[in-house]
Amino acid sequence: MTDRFDEETELRQLWCRRTLRRAVERALTERQREVFTLYYEDGLSFTAIAARLQVAPSTVSRTYARGLRRIRRIMECCE
């Protein structure tokens, strides 16, 4: 019973990761994807991202927050 539960959990997690990847690719604007990439993949702070993109840190924060809201709405189906 545990093995089947583990398999189902693993499959659900895989499906959610794929859904998340598609959400990021399709639902986010180009700027939102850029902010997410710099934040999560490059490990930059909002201040560093702002400097790189030549915008205010508050702009980066808003861009990130809007993108995160979009992703959360799409990922609600995983719950």
Protein backbone atom coordinates (compact mmCIF):
# COMPACT_ATOMS: atom_id res chain seq x y z
CA MET A 1 0.00 0.00 0.00
CA THR A 2 2.81 2.40 0.84
CA ASP A 3 4.52 1.82 -2.52
CA ARG A 4 1.37 2.69 -4.43
CA PHE A 5 0.89 5.82 -2.30
CA ASP A 6 4.51 6.83 -2.94
CA GLU A 7 4.09 6.28 -6.69
CA GLU A 8 0.90 8.33 -6.79
CA THR A 9 2.52 11.10 -4.76
CA GLU A 10 5.54 11.11 -7.05
CA LEU A 11 3.36 11.24 -10.17
CA ARG A 12 1.31 14.10 -8.73
CA GLN A 13 4.47 16.05 -7.90
CA LEU A 14 5.81 15.48 -11.41
CA TRP A 15 2.54 16.66 -12.92
CA CYS A 16 2.58 19.77 -10.71
CA ARG A 17 6.18 20.60 -11.68
CA ARG A 18 5.27 20.29 -15.36
CA THR A 19 2.21 22.45 -14.84
CA LEU A 20 4.33 25.02 -13.04
CA ARG A 21 6.91 25.02 -15.83
CA ARG A 22 4.16 25.54 -18.43
CA ALA A 23 2.62 28.30 -16.32
CA VAL A 24 5.92 30.12 -16.17
CA GLU A 25 6.50 29.70 -19.91
CA ARG A 26 2.99 30.63 -21.05
CA ALA A 27 1.30 32.76 -18.41
CA LEU A 28 4.05 35.13 -17.37
CA THR A 29 5.08 38.15 -19.34
CA GLU A 30 8.60 38.29 -20.70
CA ARG A 31 9.62 40.70 -17.93
CA GLN A 32 8.09 38.48 -15.23
CA ARG A 33 9.96 35.45 -16.60
CA GLU A 34 13.16 37.50 -16.60
CA VAL A 35 12.66 38.53 -12.95
CA PHE A 36 11.85 34.95 -11.90
CA THR A 37 14.92 33.61 -13.73
CA LEU A 38 17.23 36.18 -12.18
CA TYR A 39 15.75 35.58 -8.74
CA TYR A 40 15.47 31.77 -8.68
CA GLU A 41 18.13 30.58 -11.11
CA ASP A 42 20.76 33.29 -10.66
CA GLY A 43 20.01 33.90 -6.98
CA LEU A 44 19.93 37.69 -7.30
CA SER A 45 18.15 39.94 -4.82
CA PHE A 46 15.43 42.32 -5.94
CA THR A 47 17.94 45.17 -5.55
CA ALA A 48 20.47 43.42 -7.79
CA ILE A 49 17.79 42.58 -10.34
CA ALA A 50 16.67 46.22 -10.33
CA ALA A 51 20.22 47.37 -11.00
CA ARG A 52 20.62 44.89 -13.84
CA LEU A 53 17.29 45.82 -15.45
CA GLN A 54 17.78 49.52 -14.71
CA VAL A 55 14.47 49.88 -12.89
CA ALA A 56 13.49 50.68 -9.30
CA PRO A 57 13.51 47.82 -6.75
CA SER A 58 9.80 48.49 -6.18
CA THR A 59 9.19 47.76 -9.86
CA VAL A 60 10.95 44.41 -9.50
CA SER A 61 8.90 43.66 -6.39
CA ARG A 62 5.60 44.46 -8.16
CA THR A 63 6.60 42.47 -11.24
CA TYR A 64 7.49 39.48 -9.07
CA ALA A 65 4.26 39.74 -7.04
CA ARG A 66 2.07 39.91 -10.14
CA GLY A 67 3.83 36.93 -11.68
CA LEU A 68 3.51 34.96 -8.47
CA ARG A 69 -0.24 35.67 -8.33
CA ARG A 70 -0.60 34.40 -11.90
CA ILE A 71 1.29 31.22 -11.09
CA ARG A 72 -0.70 30.61 -7.91
CA ARG A 73 -3.99 30.89 -9.79
CA ILE A 74 -2.83 28.35 -12.35
CA MET A 75 -1.41 26.00 -9.75
CA GLU A 76 -4.64 25.92 -7.71
CA CYS A 77 -5.59 22.88 -9.76
CA CYS A 78 -2.75 20.94 -8.12
CA GLU A 79 -4.29 21.17 -4.69
